[in-house]
Amino acid sequence: MSDDVNHPTHYTSSPSGVECIDIAEHMSFNLGNAIKYMWRAGLKGVDVEKDLRKAAWYIDREIQRLRKLHGEEQKRQEHRSHP
């Protein structure tokens, strides 16, 4: 019997026996969501492309977050190096 709340089949059907959340919870929010959408692609419905586009959206968002973070860090380092 399936448990759609605690262990939905589209996240527990991996032949490895690993549940998606066991991997995703060790990542940032954006990367965890990207993994979630890639993991379930094609398992929760027929629109595989939609799940993959959602995963790409979260990956792009993570890239933007990292660029902003590193840009701000670089500015702080440059500020510290100038008297």
Protein backbone atom coordinates (compact mmCIF):
# COMPACT_ATOMS: atom_id res chain seq x y z
CA MET A 1 0.00 0.00 0.00
CA SER A 2 1.28 3.43 -0.95
CA ASP A 3 1.72 6.27 1.55
CA ASP A 4 1.17 9.36 -0.59
CA VAL A 5 1.94 11.76 2.27
CA ASN A 6 5.05 10.34 3.93
CA HIS A 7 6.53 8.19 1.16
CA PRO A 8 5.00 8.98 -2.25
CA THR A 9 5.81 6.36 -4.87
CA HIS A 10 7.26 8.97 -7.26
CA TYR A 11 10.01 9.57 -4.66
CA THR A 12 10.49 5.99 -3.45
CA SER A 13 10.46 4.01 -6.68
CA SER A 14 14.21 4.10 -7.33
CA PRO A 15 15.65 0.64 -7.87
CA SER A 16 18.42 1.63 -5.44
CA GLY A 17 15.91 1.66 -2.58
CA VAL A 18 17.02 5.20 -1.69
CA GLU A 19 14.29 7.76 -1.11
CA CYS A 20 14.69 11.15 -2.78
CA ILE A 21 14.49 13.10 0.49
CA ASP A 22 17.43 11.13 1.91
CA ILE A 23 19.61 12.77 -0.75
CA ALA A 24 17.90 16.15 -1.20
CA GLU A 25 17.92 17.11 2.49
CA HIS A 26 21.73 17.32 2.41
CA MET A 27 21.68 20.00 -0.27
CA SER A 28 20.72 23.64 -0.51
CA PHE A 29 17.05 24.39 -1.07
CA ASN A 30 17.50 25.02 -4.79
CA LEU A 31 19.66 21.97 -5.46
CA GLY A 32 17.39 19.77 -3.36
CA ASN A 33 14.39 20.86 -5.41
CA ALA A 34 16.28 20.31 -8.66
CA ILE A 35 17.11 16.76 -7.54
CA LYS A 36 13.47 16.23 -6.55
CA TYR A 37 12.18 17.22 -9.98
CA MET A 38 14.79 15.17 -11.82
CA TRP A 39 14.16 12.18 -9.56
CA ARG A 40 10.44 12.15 -10.21
CA ALA A 41 10.59 13.11 -13.89
CA GLY A 42 8.05 10.95 -15.65
CA LEU A 43 6.88 9.21 -12.47
CA LYS A 44 4.22 11.65 -11.27
CA GLY A 45 2.59 12.13 -14.62
CA VAL A 46 3.33 12.11 -18.29
CA ASP A 47 4.92 15.55 -18.54
CA VAL A 48 8.61 14.65 -18.19
CA GLU A 49 9.69 17.87 -19.89
CA LYS A 50 7.81 19.99 -17.35
CA ASP A 51 9.63 18.31 -14.44
CA LEU A 52 12.97 18.77 -16.19
CA ARG A 53 12.22 22.45 -16.90
CA LYS A 54 11.40 22.94 -13.21
CA ALA A 55 14.71 21.28 -12.28
CA ALA A 56 16.55 23.59 -14.68
CA TRP A 57 14.76 26.60 -13.13
CA TYR A 58 16.05 25.67 -9.67
CA ILE A 59 19.56 25.05 -11.02
CA ASP A 60 19.56 28.46 -12.71
CA ARG A 61 18.33 30.04 -9.49
CA GLU A 62 21.17 28.38 -7.56
CA ILE A 63 23.69 29.67 -10.09
CA GLN A 64 22.30 33.20 -9.67
CA ARG A 65 22.46 32.84 -5.88
CA LEU A 66 26.08 31.68 -6.00
CA ARG A 67 27.10 34.44 -8.40
CA LYS A 68 25.54 37.03 -6.14
CA LEU A 69 27.14 35.49 -3.06
CA HIS A 70 30.58 35.29 -4.65
CA GLY A 71 30.26 38.76 -6.12
CA GLU A 72 29.48 40.18 -2.69
CA GLU A 73 32.36 38.23 -1.13
CA GLN A 74 34.74 39.50 -3.77
CA LYS A 75 33.62 43.09 -3.14
CA ARG A 76 34.22 42.64 0.60
CA GLN A 77 37.69 41.23 -0.03
CA GLU A 78 38.54 44.10 -2.38
CA HIS A 79 37.29 46.60 0.20
CA ARG A 80 39.46 45.04 2.91
CA SER A 81 42.57 45.09 0.73
CA HIS A 82 42.30 48.83 0.05
CA PRO A 83 43.47 51.18 2.84
